Amino acid sequence: MGIRQGLVIFGFGGHARSVADIALATGYKEFLFIDDNARAGETFLGHPVLRQLPGAFPEGWSCFAASGDNRTRARQIASILESGWPLVTLIAPTASIGAGAAIGTGSIVAHHAHVGPMAKVGSGAIINTGAIVEHECIVGDFVHVSVNATAAGRSSLGDFVFLGASATVIDGTSVGREIIVGAGSLVVRDLEAPGTYIGVPAKRLMKEGAHEQQ
């Protein structure tokens, strides 16, 4: 992988640090983190963390929206596009992308993740470490498929879905937009109503300690 010019990373949470790690693996050498909560003199791996750009956008550099929160990441990308800055897509060298798969602008496919053949991943999505998006899946914009989560073949995830760590969506199943599926949960039927779903099988959490009746 050849050396790339620098990358401006918007955000400095845990996901932003993972983004930097993946970017290093793809050939980037220089970084600048932009975060409203940056502390004076803060750095990460020797790279500065600032509250705002110190001047004009660096010539020849690219940028990436790195909030782990779907809504915040959508706002970051909207701001980047409005500013006319170059937004990149990051795919870790250890990830695998199947034949005919498509990855949207501003998305990331992390270490050891797999996107199967003919799968479609929207813009600003996170396919996190070890996650699987299998053949012919449809993943919407600003979705987060967490570590070791699985969307089985021909399933679909609507915009702004959050699929928790090690959660599974079985083949051919649809998860509607803005739904949260808790860590370790198993989705065995289509989920349509917005909300949080947990358990095996996943049921909608109506209030603390209560679940939707089947």
N, C-alpha and C. Protein backbone atom coordinates (compact mmCIF):
# COMPACT_ATOMS: atom_id res chain seq x y z
N MET A 1 0.85 -1.19 0.00
CA MET A 1 0.00 0.00 0.00
C MET A 1 0.89 1.24 0.00
N GLY A 2 0.69 2.15 -0.93
CA GLY A 2 1.50 3.34 -1.01
C GLY A 2 1.15 4.34 0.08
N ILE A 3 2.09 5.25 0.33
CA ILE A 3 1.85 6.29 1.33
C ILE A 3 0.83 7.28 0.80
N ARG A 4 -0.19 7.57 1.59
CA ARG A 4 -1.20 8.53 1.23
C ARG A 4 -0.92 9.84 1.95
N GLN A 5 -1.52 10.92 1.46
CA GLN A 5 -1.40 12.18 2.18
C GLN A 5 -2.28 12.13 3.43
N GLY A 6 -2.33 13.24 4.15
CA GLY A 6 -2.92 13.22 5.47
C GLY A 6 -4.43 13.06 5.50
N LEU A 7 -4.93 12.76 6.71
CA LEU A 7 -6.36 12.55 6.94
C LEU A 7 -6.80 13.37 8.14
N VAL A 8 -7.84 14.18 7.94
CA VAL A 8 -8.47 14.90 9.04
C VAL A 8 -9.61 14.01 9.55
N ILE A 9 -9.55 13.66 10.82
CA ILE A 9 -10.53 12.78 11.43
C ILE A 9 -11.41 13.61 12.35
N PHE A 10 -12.70 13.64 12.07
CA PHE A 10 -13.63 14.43 12.88
C PHE A 10 -14.18 13.56 14.01
N GLY A 11 -13.82 13.93 15.23
CA GLY A 11 -14.14 13.16 16.42
C GLY A 11 -12.87 12.63 17.06
N PHE A 12 -12.96 12.36 18.37
CA PHE A 12 -11.81 11.79 19.07
C PHE A 12 -12.26 10.83 20.16
N GLY A 13 -13.38 10.15 19.91
CA GLY A 13 -13.80 9.09 20.80
C GLY A 13 -13.11 7.78 20.45
N GLY A 14 -13.58 6.69 21.07
CA GLY A 14 -12.96 5.40 20.82
C GLY A 14 -13.00 4.99 19.36
N HIS A 15 -14.13 5.27 18.69
CA HIS A 15 -14.22 4.88 17.28
C HIS A 15 -13.22 5.66 16.43
N ALA A 16 -13.02 6.94 16.75
CA ALA A 16 -12.06 7.74 15.99
C ALA A 16 -10.64 7.16 16.09
N ARG A 17 -10.31 6.61 17.24
CA ARG A 17 -8.98 6.01 17.40
C ARG A 17 -8.86 4.73 16.57
N SER A 18 -9.97 3.97 16.50
CA SER A 18 -9.98 2.80 15.64
C SER A 18 -9.87 3.19 14.17
N VAL A 19 -10.53 4.30 13.81
CA VAL A 19 -10.42 4.82 12.44
C VAL A 19 -8.96 5.13 12.12
N ALA A 20 -8.26 5.78 13.04
CA ALA A 20 -6.85 6.11 12.81
C ALA A 20 -6.02 4.85 12.62
N ASP A 21 -6.31 3.82 13.40
CA ASP A 21 -5.58 2.56 13.28
C ASP A 21 -5.78 1.94 11.91
N ILE A 22 -7.02 1.95 11.42
CA ILE A 22 -7.31 1.39 10.10
C ILE A 22 -6.67 2.26 9.01
N ALA A 23 -6.75 3.58 9.19
CA ALA A 23 -6.14 4.47 8.20
C ALA A 23 -4.62 4.26 8.12
N LEU A 24 -3.98 4.05 9.25
CA LEU A 24 -2.55 3.73 9.24
C LEU A 24 -2.28 2.47 8.42
N ALA A 25 -3.13 1.47 8.59
CA ALA A 25 -2.95 0.22 7.88
C ALA A 25 -3.16 0.36 6.38
N THR A 26 -3.91 1.39 5.97
CA THR A 26 -4.14 1.60 4.53
C THR A 26 -3.12 2.54 3.90
N GLY A 27 -2.20 3.09 4.70
CA GLY A 27 -1.12 3.88 4.12
C GLY A 27 -1.06 5.33 4.52
N TYR A 28 -2.04 5.82 5.29
CA TYR A 28 -1.95 7.20 5.76
C TYR A 28 -0.84 7.32 6.82
N LYS A 29 -0.15 8.44 6.82
CA LYS A 29 0.94 8.67 7.77
C LYS A 29 0.69 9.88 8.66
N GLU A 30 -0.09 10.85 8.20
CA GLU A 30 -0.32 12.07 8.95
C GLU A 30 -1.81 12.21 9.27
N PHE A 31 -2.10 12.65 10.51
CA PHE A 31 -3.48 12.79 10.96
C PHE A 31 -3.66 14.10 11.70
N LEU A 32 -4.88 14.58 11.69
CA LEU A 32 -5.29 15.69 12.53
C LEU A 32 -6.69 15.37 13.01
N PHE A 33 -6.88 15.30 14.33
CA PHE A 33 -8.19 15.04 14.91
C PHE A 33 -8.86 16.36 15.25
N ILE A 34 -10.14 16.48 14.92
CA ILE A 34 -10.92 17.67 15.26
C ILE A 34 -12.06 17.24 16.19
N ASP A 35 -12.07 17.80 17.40
CA ASP A 35 -13.09 17.43 18.37
C ASP A 35 -13.38 18.64 19.26
N ASP A 36 -14.66 18.94 19.44
CA ASP A 36 -15.05 20.10 20.26
C ASP A 36 -14.54 20.03 21.68
N ASN A 37 -14.29 18.82 22.17
CA ASN A 37 -13.87 18.63 23.56
C ASN A 37 -12.38 18.41 23.71
N ALA A 38 -11.61 18.70 22.67
CA ALA A 38 -10.16 18.51 22.74
C ALA A 38 -9.54 19.35 23.85
N ARG A 39 -8.58 18.78 24.54
CA ARG A 39 -7.84 19.50 25.58
C ARG A 39 -6.57 20.10 24.99
N ALA A 40 -6.14 21.20 25.55
CA ALA A 40 -4.95 21.88 25.06
C ALA A 40 -3.75 20.94 25.06
N GLY A 41 -3.08 20.85 23.94
CA GLY A 41 -1.88 20.04 23.83
C GLY A 41 -2.12 18.55 23.67
N GLU A 42 -3.37 18.15 23.55
CA GLU A 42 -3.68 16.72 23.45
C GLU A 42 -3.20 16.15 22.12
N THR A 43 -2.68 14.91 22.17
CA THR A 43 -2.23 14.22 20.97
C THR A 43 -2.63 12.75 21.05
N PHE A 44 -2.55 12.07 19.91
CA PHE A 44 -2.76 10.63 19.86
C PHE A 44 -1.75 10.05 18.89
N LEU A 45 -0.89 9.17 19.39
CA LEU A 45 0.21 8.62 18.59
C LEU A 45 1.05 9.72 17.95
N GLY A 46 1.16 10.83 18.68
CA GLY A 46 1.96 11.95 18.21
C GLY A 46 1.25 12.90 17.27
N HIS A 47 -0.03 12.65 16.97
CA HIS A 47 -0.79 13.50 16.06
C HIS A 47 -1.71 14.42 16.86
N PRO A 48 -1.83 15.69 16.45
CA PRO A 48 -2.56 16.68 17.25
C PRO A 48 -4.07 16.46 17.27
N VAL A 49 -4.67 16.84 18.40
CA VAL A 49 -6.11 16.83 18.57
C VAL A 49 -6.53 18.27 18.86
N LEU A 50 -7.30 18.87 17.96
CA LEU A 50 -7.65 20.28 18.06
C LEU A 50 -9.16 20.45 18.08
N ARG A 51 -9.61 21.62 18.53
CA ARG A 51 -11.04 21.90 18.54
C ARG A 51 -11.56 22.33 17.18
N GLN A 52 -10.68 22.87 16.35
CA GLN A 52 -11.07 23.31 15.01
C GLN A 52 -9.85 23.33 14.11
N LEU A 53 -10.09 23.35 12.82
CA LEU A 53 -8.98 23.44 11.89
C LEU A 53 -8.17 24.70 12.16
N PRO A 54 -6.86 24.62 12.13
CA PRO A 54 -6.03 25.80 12.42
C PRO A 54 -5.98 26.80 11.27
N GLY A 55 -6.61 26.48 10.15
CA GLY A 55 -6.61 27.37 8.99
C GLY A 55 -7.42 26.73 7.89
N ALA A 56 -6.99 26.94 6.66
CA ALA A 56 -7.67 26.31 5.53
C ALA A 56 -7.48 24.80 5.58
N PHE A 57 -8.40 24.09 4.94
CA PHE A 57 -8.26 22.64 4.88
C PHE A 57 -6.95 22.29 4.19
N PRO A 58 -6.16 21.36 4.78
CA PRO A 58 -4.82 21.08 4.22
C PRO A 58 -4.89 20.56 2.77
N GLU A 59 -4.12 21.16 1.93
CA GLU A 59 -4.11 20.79 0.52
C GLU A 59 -3.66 19.34 0.35
N GLY A 60 -4.43 18.60 -0.44
CA GLY A 60 -4.08 17.22 -0.72
C GLY A 60 -4.55 16.22 0.32
N TRP A 61 -5.10 16.71 1.44
CA TRP A 61 -5.58 15.81 2.49
C TRP A 61 -7.02 15.41 2.20
N SER A 62 -7.49 14.40 2.94
CA SER A 62 -8.87 13.95 2.90
C SER A 62 -9.43 14.00 4.30
N CYS A 63 -10.72 13.68 4.46
CA CYS A 63 -11.29 13.69 5.80
C CYS A 63 -12.25 12.53 5.99
N PHE A 64 -12.53 12.25 7.26
CA PHE A 64 -13.39 11.13 7.63
C PHE A 64 -14.18 11.49 8.87
N ALA A 65 -15.48 11.18 8.84
CA ALA A 65 -16.37 11.42 10.00
C ALA A 65 -16.30 10.20 10.90
N ALA A 66 -15.88 10.40 12.16
CA ALA A 66 -15.52 9.26 13.00
C ALA A 66 -16.29 9.16 14.30
N SER A 67 -17.48 9.74 14.37
CA SER A 67 -18.30 9.51 15.56
C SER A 67 -18.92 8.12 15.48
N GLY A 68 -18.93 7.42 16.61
CA GLY A 68 -19.60 6.12 16.66
C GLY A 68 -21.10 6.23 16.75
N ASP A 69 -21.61 7.43 17.04
CA ASP A 69 -23.05 7.67 17.12
C ASP A 69 -23.59 7.99 15.73
N ASN A 70 -24.62 7.27 15.33
CA ASN A 70 -25.11 7.41 13.95
C ASN A 70 -25.55 8.82 13.60
N ARG A 71 -26.33 9.45 14.47
CA ARG A 71 -26.84 10.80 14.19
C ARG A 71 -25.71 11.82 14.16
N THR A 72 -24.79 11.72 15.09
CA THR A 72 -23.66 12.66 15.10
C THR A 72 -22.81 12.49 13.86
N ARG A 73 -22.60 11.25 13.45
CA ARG A 73 -21.81 10.99 12.24
C ARG A 73 -22.49 11.56 11.01
N ALA A 74 -23.82 11.46 10.96
CA ALA A 74 -24.55 12.04 9.83
C ALA A 74 -24.35 13.55 9.77
N ARG A 75 -24.37 14.20 10.95
CA ARG A 75 -24.14 15.66 10.97
C ARG A 75 -22.71 15.99 10.55
N GLN A 76 -21.75 15.18 10.98
CA GLN A 76 -20.37 15.42 10.58
C GLN A 76 -20.22 15.33 9.06
N ILE A 77 -20.83 14.32 8.47
CA ILE A 77 -20.72 14.14 7.02
C ILE A 77 -21.42 15.27 6.28
N ALA A 78 -22.58 15.69 6.78
CA ALA A 78 -23.27 16.81 6.14
C ALA A 78 -22.40 18.06 6.15
N SER A 79 -21.72 18.31 7.26
CA SER A 79 -20.84 19.47 7.36
C SER A 79 -19.65 19.36 6.41
N ILE A 80 -19.08 18.16 6.31
CA ILE A 80 -17.95 17.94 5.40
C ILE A 80 -18.37 18.21 3.95
N LEU A 81 -19.50 17.67 3.57
CA LEU A 81 -19.96 17.84 2.19
C LEU A 81 -20.31 19.29 1.89
N GLU A 82 -20.93 19.96 2.86
CA GLU A 82 -21.27 21.37 2.67
C GLU A 82 -20.01 22.22 2.51
N SER A 83 -18.93 21.81 3.15
CA SER A 83 -17.67 22.55 3.06
C SER A 83 -16.89 22.22 1.80
N GLY A 84 -17.32 21.18 1.08
CA GLY A 84 -16.65 20.80 -0.15
C GLY A 84 -15.34 20.06 0.06
N TRP A 85 -15.16 19.48 1.24
CA TRP A 85 -13.93 18.75 1.52
C TRP A 85 -14.03 17.32 1.04
N PRO A 86 -12.92 16.69 0.66
CA PRO A 86 -12.94 15.32 0.15
C PRO A 86 -13.18 14.30 1.27
N LEU A 87 -14.26 13.55 1.14
CA LEU A 87 -14.65 12.54 2.12
C LEU A 87 -14.25 11.17 1.58
N VAL A 88 -13.54 10.38 2.40
CA VAL A 88 -13.05 9.09 1.93
C VAL A 88 -13.84 7.94 2.55
N THR A 89 -13.70 6.78 1.95
CA THR A 89 -14.19 5.50 2.46
C THR A 89 -12.96 4.70 2.88
N LEU A 90 -13.04 4.02 4.04
CA LEU A 90 -11.90 3.27 4.54
C LEU A 90 -12.25 1.79 4.62
N ILE A 91 -11.39 0.96 4.06
CA ILE A 91 -11.55 -0.49 4.13
C ILE A 91 -10.24 -1.08 4.62
N ALA A 92 -10.28 -1.76 5.75
CA ALA A 92 -9.07 -2.33 6.33
C ALA A 92 -8.50 -3.41 5.41
N PRO A 93 -7.17 -3.51 5.34
CA PRO A 93 -6.56 -4.54 4.49
C PRO A 93 -6.97 -5.95 4.86
N THR A 94 -7.34 -6.18 6.12
CA THR A 94 -7.74 -7.52 6.56
C THR A 94 -9.22 -7.79 6.34
N ALA A 95 -9.99 -6.78 5.91
CA ALA A 95 -11.41 -6.99 5.60
C ALA A 95 -11.53 -7.69 4.25
N SER A 96 -12.68 -8.34 4.04
CA SER A 96 -12.93 -8.97 2.74
C SER A 96 -14.22 -8.42 2.15
N ILE A 97 -14.15 -8.07 0.88
CA ILE A 97 -15.28 -7.50 0.16
C ILE A 97 -15.62 -8.43 -1.00
N GLY A 98 -16.86 -8.94 -1.01
CA GLY A 98 -17.26 -9.91 -2.02
C GLY A 98 -17.47 -9.29 -3.38
N ALA A 99 -17.54 -10.15 -4.37
CA ALA A 99 -17.75 -9.73 -5.75
C ALA A 99 -19.07 -8.99 -5.89
N GLY A 100 -19.01 -7.84 -6.53
CA GLY A 100 -20.21 -7.07 -6.79
C GLY A 100 -20.74 -6.29 -5.60
N ALA A 101 -20.05 -6.33 -4.46
CA ALA A 101 -20.48 -5.56 -3.29
C ALA A 101 -20.16 -4.08 -3.49
N ALA A 102 -20.95 -3.21 -2.85
CA ALA A 102 -20.75 -1.77 -2.97
C ALA A 102 -20.72 -1.16 -1.58
N ILE A 103 -19.74 -0.29 -1.35
CA ILE A 103 -19.57 0.38 -0.06
C ILE A 103 -19.73 1.87 -0.29
N GLY A 104 -20.66 2.52 0.44
CA GLY A 104 -20.95 3.92 0.24
C GLY A 104 -19.86 4.86 0.74
N THR A 105 -19.90 6.08 0.25
CA THR A 105 -18.93 7.10 0.61
C THR A 105 -18.97 7.39 2.11
N GLY A 106 -17.80 7.53 2.70
CA GLY A 106 -17.71 7.88 4.12
C GLY A 106 -17.94 6.71 5.05
N SER A 107 -18.05 5.50 4.52
CA SER A 107 -18.22 4.31 5.35
C SER A 107 -16.87 3.70 5.69
N ILE A 108 -16.88 2.80 6.68
CA ILE A 108 -15.66 2.10 7.07
C ILE A 108 -15.97 0.62 7.23
N VAL A 109 -15.08 -0.21 6.72
CA VAL A 109 -15.14 -1.66 6.93
C VAL A 109 -13.87 -2.01 7.70
N ALA A 110 -14.04 -2.44 8.94
CA ALA A 110 -12.93 -2.55 9.87
C ALA A 110 -12.19 -3.88 9.76
N HIS A 111 -11.19 -4.03 10.61
CA HIS A 111 -10.35 -5.22 10.59
C HIS A 111 -11.17 -6.51 10.67
N HIS A 112 -10.89 -7.43 9.77
CA HIS A 112 -11.46 -8.79 9.76
C HIS A 112 -12.97 -8.82 9.55
N ALA A 113 -13.55 -7.72 9.10
CA ALA A 113 -14.98 -7.71 8.76
C ALA A 113 -15.15 -8.30 7.36
N HIS A 114 -16.39 -8.72 7.07
CA HIS A 114 -16.69 -9.31 5.76
C HIS A 114 -17.98 -8.72 5.22
N VAL A 115 -17.92 -8.25 3.99
CA VAL A 115 -19.10 -7.81 3.25
C VAL A 115 -19.24 -8.75 2.06
N GLY A 116 -20.33 -9.50 2.02
CA GLY A 116 -20.48 -10.58 1.06
C GLY A 116 -20.81 -10.11 -0.35
N PRO A 117 -20.83 -11.04 -1.29
CA PRO A 117 -21.08 -10.69 -2.68
C PRO A 117 -22.45 -10.06 -2.88
N MET A 118 -22.46 -9.02 -3.69
CA MET A 118 -23.68 -8.29 -4.08
C MET A 118 -24.34 -7.55 -2.91
N ALA A 119 -23.68 -7.47 -1.78
CA ALA A 119 -24.21 -6.68 -0.66
C ALA A 119 -24.05 -5.20 -0.96
N LYS A 120 -24.93 -4.38 -0.42
CA LYS A 120 -24.91 -2.94 -0.62
C LYS A 120 -24.88 -2.25 0.74
N VAL A 121 -23.84 -1.48 0.97
CA VAL A 121 -23.68 -0.73 2.22
C VAL A 121 -23.78 0.75 1.89
N GLY A 122 -24.63 1.47 2.61
CA GLY A 122 -24.88 2.88 2.32
C GLY A 122 -23.75 3.79 2.77
N SER A 123 -24.03 5.08 2.76
CA SER A 123 -23.04 6.10 3.13
C SER A 123 -22.93 6.22 4.65
N GLY A 124 -21.73 6.54 5.11
CA GLY A 124 -21.53 6.83 6.52
C GLY A 124 -21.77 5.66 7.44
N ALA A 125 -21.65 4.43 6.93
CA ALA A 125 -21.91 3.24 7.74
C ALA A 125 -20.63 2.74 8.40
N ILE A 126 -20.80 2.04 9.51
CA ILE A 126 -19.69 1.38 10.20
C ILE A 126 -19.94 -0.12 10.16
N ILE A 127 -19.04 -0.86 9.52
CA ILE A 127 -19.03 -2.32 9.59
C ILE A 127 -17.81 -2.63 10.47
N ASN A 128 -18.07 -2.86 11.73
CA ASN A 128 -16.99 -2.84 12.72
C ASN A 128 -16.20 -4.15 12.74
N THR A 129 -15.23 -4.20 13.65
CA THR A 129 -14.27 -5.30 13.71
C THR A 129 -14.97 -6.66 13.76
N GLY A 130 -14.64 -7.53 12.82
CA GLY A 130 -15.17 -8.88 12.81
C GLY A 130 -16.63 -9.01 12.43
N ALA A 131 -17.27 -7.93 12.03
CA ALA A 131 -18.69 -7.98 11.67
C ALA A 131 -18.87 -8.64 10.30
N ILE A 132 -20.06 -9.21 10.10
CA ILE A 132 -20.38 -9.88 8.84
C ILE A 132 -21.66 -9.28 8.26
N VAL A 133 -21.57 -8.83 7.04
CA VAL A 133 -22.73 -8.40 6.26
C VAL A 133 -22.73 -9.32 5.04
N GLU A 134 -23.60 -10.31 5.05
CA GLU A 134 -23.48 -11.39 4.07
C GLU A 134 -24.09 -11.03 2.71
N HIS A 135 -24.09 -12.03 1.85
CA HIS A 135 -24.46 -11.86 0.46
C HIS A 135 -25.82 -11.20 0.28
N GLU A 136 -25.86 -10.21 -0.59
CA GLU A 136 -27.09 -9.53 -1.01
C GLU A 136 -27.81 -8.78 0.11
N CYS A 137 -27.11 -8.51 1.19
CA CYS A 137 -27.69 -7.67 2.25
C CYS A 137 -27.81 -6.23 1.75
N ILE A 138 -28.76 -5.54 2.32
CA ILE A 138 -28.90 -4.11 2.07
C ILE A 138 -28.73 -3.40 3.41
N VAL A 139 -27.72 -2.56 3.51
CA VAL A 139 -27.43 -1.79 4.73
C VAL A 139 -27.61 -0.33 4.39
N GLY A 140 -28.46 0.37 5.13
CA GLY A 140 -28.77 1.76 4.84
C GLY A 140 -27.67 2.73 5.22
N ASP A 141 -27.99 4.00 5.15
CA ASP A 141 -27.05 5.06 5.50
C ASP A 141 -26.95 5.20 7.01
N PHE A 142 -25.74 5.52 7.48
CA PHE A 142 -25.47 5.84 8.89
C PHE A 142 -25.88 4.70 9.82
N VAL A 143 -25.62 3.49 9.38
CA VAL A 143 -25.84 2.28 10.17
C VAL A 143 -24.55 1.93 10.89
N HIS A 144 -24.67 1.32 12.08
CA HIS A 144 -23.51 0.82 12.81
C HIS A 144 -23.72 -0.67 13.08
N VAL A 145 -22.96 -1.51 12.40
CA VAL A 145 -22.95 -2.96 12.65
C VAL A 145 -21.75 -3.21 13.57
N SER A 146 -22.02 -3.47 14.83
CA SER A 146 -20.97 -3.50 15.85
C SER A 146 -20.08 -4.73 15.74
N VAL A 147 -19.09 -4.79 16.61
CA VAL A 147 -18.09 -5.86 16.57
C VAL A 147 -18.74 -7.23 16.67
N ASN A 148 -18.34 -8.10 15.75
CA ASN A 148 -18.79 -9.49 15.69
C ASN A 148 -20.29 -9.66 15.46
N ALA A 149 -20.99 -8.61 15.06
CA ALA A 149 -22.41 -8.74 14.73
C ALA A 149 -22.54 -9.32 13.32
N THR A 150 -23.69 -9.94 13.05
CA THR A 150 -23.92 -10.59 11.78
C THR A 150 -25.27 -10.21 11.19
N ALA A 151 -25.25 -9.76 9.96
CA ALA A 151 -26.46 -9.62 9.16
C ALA A 151 -26.38 -10.71 8.10
N ALA A 152 -27.20 -11.76 8.26
CA ALA A 152 -27.12 -12.92 7.37
C ALA A 152 -27.65 -12.57 5.98
N GLY A 153 -27.46 -13.47 5.05
CA GLY A 153 -27.74 -13.21 3.65
C GLY A 153 -29.15 -12.71 3.37
N ARG A 154 -29.22 -11.71 2.49
CA ARG A 154 -30.47 -11.11 2.02
C ARG A 154 -31.27 -10.43 3.14
N SER A 155 -30.64 -10.15 4.26
CA SER A 155 -31.32 -9.34 5.28
C SER A 155 -31.12 -7.87 4.95
N SER A 156 -31.86 -6.99 5.64
CA SER A 156 -31.72 -5.56 5.38
C SER A 156 -31.78 -4.79 6.68
N LEU A 157 -31.00 -3.73 6.73
CA LEU A 157 -30.92 -2.83 7.89
C LEU A 157 -31.23 -1.42 7.38
N GLY A 158 -32.28 -0.79 7.93
CA GLY A 158 -32.65 0.54 7.50
C GLY A 158 -31.70 1.61 7.99
N ASP A 159 -31.87 2.83 7.49
CA ASP A 159 -31.03 3.95 7.90
C ASP A 159 -31.01 4.10 9.42
N PHE A 160 -29.84 4.43 9.96
CA PHE A 160 -29.65 4.74 11.37
C PHE A 160 -29.88 3.54 12.30
N VAL A 161 -29.85 2.33 11.78
CA VAL A 161 -29.92 1.14 12.64
C VAL A 161 -28.61 0.99 13.41
N PHE A 162 -28.73 0.55 14.66
CA PHE A 162 -27.56 0.17 15.46
C PHE A 162 -27.72 -1.30 15.82
N LEU A 163 -26.80 -2.12 15.33
CA LEU A 163 -26.80 -3.55 15.61
C LEU A 163 -25.68 -3.82 16.59
N GLY A 164 -26.06 -4.18 17.84
CA GLY A 164 -25.09 -4.29 18.92
C GLY A 164 -24.09 -5.43 18.75
N ALA A 165 -23.08 -5.42 19.60
CA ALA A 165 -22.00 -6.40 19.52
C ALA A 165 -22.55 -7.82 19.58
N SER A 166 -22.12 -8.65 18.64
CA SER A 166 -22.48 -10.06 18.55
C SER A 166 -23.97 -10.32 18.31
N ALA A 167 -24.74 -9.29 17.99
CA ALA A 167 -26.14 -9.49 17.61
C ALA A 167 -26.20 -10.15 16.24
N THR A 168 -27.31 -10.87 15.97
CA THR A 168 -27.49 -11.56 14.70
C THR A 168 -28.86 -11.28 14.13
N VAL A 169 -28.89 -10.96 12.84
CA VAL A 169 -30.13 -10.83 12.09
C VAL A 169 -30.16 -12.01 11.12
N ILE A 170 -31.17 -12.89 11.24
CA ILE A 170 -31.17 -14.09 10.41
C ILE A 170 -31.47 -13.74 8.96
N ASP A 171 -31.22 -14.69 8.09
CA ASP A 171 -31.32 -14.46 6.65
C ASP A 171 -32.73 -14.02 6.24
N GLY A 172 -32.76 -13.05 5.34
CA GLY A 172 -34.00 -12.58 4.76
C GLY A 172 -34.84 -11.69 5.66
N THR A 173 -34.30 -11.30 6.81
CA THR A 173 -35.06 -10.52 7.79
C THR A 173 -34.76 -9.04 7.64
N SER A 174 -35.77 -8.20 7.91
CA SER A 174 -35.64 -6.75 7.76
C SER A 174 -35.71 -6.06 9.11
N VAL A 175 -34.79 -5.12 9.32
CA VAL A 175 -34.79 -4.28 10.52
C VAL A 175 -35.04 -2.85 10.05
N GLY A 176 -36.15 -2.25 10.50
CA GLY A 176 -36.53 -0.92 10.05
C GLY A 176 -35.61 0.17 10.57
N ARG A 177 -35.71 1.35 9.97
CA ARG A 177 -34.81 2.46 10.28
C ARG A 177 -34.93 2.89 11.75
N GLU A 178 -33.80 3.35 12.27
CA GLU A 178 -33.70 3.93 13.61
C GLU A 178 -33.97 2.92 14.73
N ILE A 179 -33.82 1.64 14.44
CA ILE A 179 -33.99 0.60 15.45
C ILE A 179 -32.64 0.26 16.07
N ILE A 180 -32.64 0.02 17.38
CA ILE A 180 -31.47 -0.46 18.10
C ILE A 180 -31.70 -1.93 18.44
N VAL A 181 -30.74 -2.78 18.09
CA VAL A 181 -30.77 -4.18 18.46
C VAL A 181 -29.64 -4.41 19.47
N GLY A 182 -30.01 -4.82 20.67
CA GLY A 182 -29.03 -4.93 21.75
C GLY A 182 -27.98 -6.01 21.51
N ALA A 183 -26.88 -5.88 22.23
CA ALA A 183 -25.77 -6.82 22.10
C ALA A 183 -26.23 -8.24 22.38
N GLY A 184 -25.80 -9.17 21.53
CA GLY A 184 -26.11 -10.57 21.70
C GLY A 184 -27.52 -10.98 21.34
N SER A 185 -28.32 -10.07 20.86
CA SER A 185 -29.72 -10.38 20.53
C SER A 185 -29.82 -11.10 19.19
N LEU A 186 -30.95 -11.80 19.01
CA LEU A 186 -31.18 -12.56 17.79
C LEU A 186 -32.49 -12.11 17.16
N VAL A 187 -32.39 -11.56 15.96
CA VAL A 187 -33.58 -11.08 15.23
C VAL A 187 -34.06 -12.20 14.32
N VAL A 188 -35.28 -12.72 14.58
CA VAL A 188 -35.81 -13.85 13.82
C VAL A 188 -37.04 -13.48 13.00
N ARG A 189 -37.50 -12.23 13.14
CA ARG A 189 -38.64 -11.76 12.36
C ARG A 189 -38.42 -10.29 12.03
N ASP A 190 -39.15 -9.79 11.05
CA ASP A 190 -39.00 -8.39 10.66
C ASP A 190 -39.32 -7.48 11.84
N LEU A 191 -38.50 -6.45 12.02
CA LEU A 191 -38.73 -5.44 13.05
C LEU A 191 -39.09 -4.14 12.34
N GLU A 192 -40.22 -3.56 12.69
CA GLU A 192 -40.70 -2.36 11.99
C GLU A 192 -40.81 -1.15 12.90
N ALA A 193 -41.34 -1.32 14.10
CA ALA A 193 -41.57 -0.18 14.99
C ALA A 193 -40.24 0.30 15.58
N PRO A 194 -39.95 1.62 15.49
CA PRO A 194 -38.72 2.13 16.09
C PRO A 194 -38.66 1.80 17.58
N GLY A 195 -37.47 1.58 18.07
CA GLY A 195 -37.29 1.27 19.48
C GLY A 195 -36.05 0.43 19.68
N THR A 196 -35.93 -0.12 20.89
CA THR A 196 -34.80 -0.96 21.25
C THR A 196 -35.30 -2.39 21.42
N TYR A 197 -34.62 -3.33 20.79
CA TYR A 197 -35.00 -4.73 20.83
C TYR A 197 -33.85 -5.53 21.45
N ILE A 198 -34.19 -6.40 22.41
CA ILE A 198 -33.16 -7.19 23.08
C ILE A 198 -33.66 -8.61 23.27
N GLY A 199 -32.71 -9.53 23.44
CA GLY A 199 -33.05 -10.89 23.80
C GLY A 199 -32.97 -11.87 22.66
N VAL A 200 -33.26 -13.14 23.00
CA VAL A 200 -33.25 -14.24 22.05
C VAL A 200 -34.57 -14.99 22.18
N PRO A 201 -35.52 -14.77 21.25
CA PRO A 201 -35.44 -13.83 20.12
C PRO A 201 -35.60 -12.39 20.59
N ALA A 202 -35.21 -11.45 19.74
CA ALA A 202 -35.27 -10.04 20.11
C ALA A 202 -36.70 -9.56 20.22
N LYS A 203 -37.01 -8.87 21.34
CA LYS A 203 -38.34 -8.29 21.56
C LYS A 203 -38.16 -6.82 21.92
N ARG A 204 -39.15 -6.03 21.56
CA ARG A 204 -39.06 -4.60 21.80
C ARG A 204 -39.17 -4.30 23.28
N LEU A 205 -38.26 -3.47 23.76
CA LEU A 205 -38.25 -3.04 25.15
C LEU A 205 -39.23 -1.89 25.28
N MET A 206 -40.39 -2.14 25.91
CA MET A 206 -41.43 -1.13 26.04
C MET A 206 -41.11 -0.13 27.14
N LYS A 207 -40.60 -0.61 28.24
CA LYS A 207 -40.13 0.20 29.35
C LYS A 207 -39.19 -0.64 30.16
N GLU A 208 -38.57 -0.07 31.14
CA GLU A 208 -37.55 -0.80 31.89
C GLU A 208 -38.15 -2.08 32.47
N GLY A 209 -37.53 -3.21 32.11
CA GLY A 209 -37.94 -4.49 32.66
C GLY A 209 -39.10 -5.14 31.95
N ALA A 210 -39.69 -4.52 30.93
CA ALA A 210 -40.84 -5.08 30.23
C ALA A 210 -40.53 -5.26 28.75
N HIS A 211 -41.13 -6.27 28.13
CA HIS A 211 -40.92 -6.55 26.72
C HIS A 211 -42.25 -6.62 26.00
N GLU A 212 -42.20 -6.39 24.71
CA GLU A 212 -43.38 -6.53 23.87
C GLU A 212 -43.86 -7.98 23.88
N GLN A 213 -45.12 -8.20 23.98
CA GLN A 213 -45.67 -9.55 23.94
C GLN A 213 -45.72 -10.05 22.50
N GLN A 214 -45.48 -11.33 22.32
CA GLN A 214 -45.55 -11.92 20.98
C GLN A 214 -46.99 -12.21 20.60
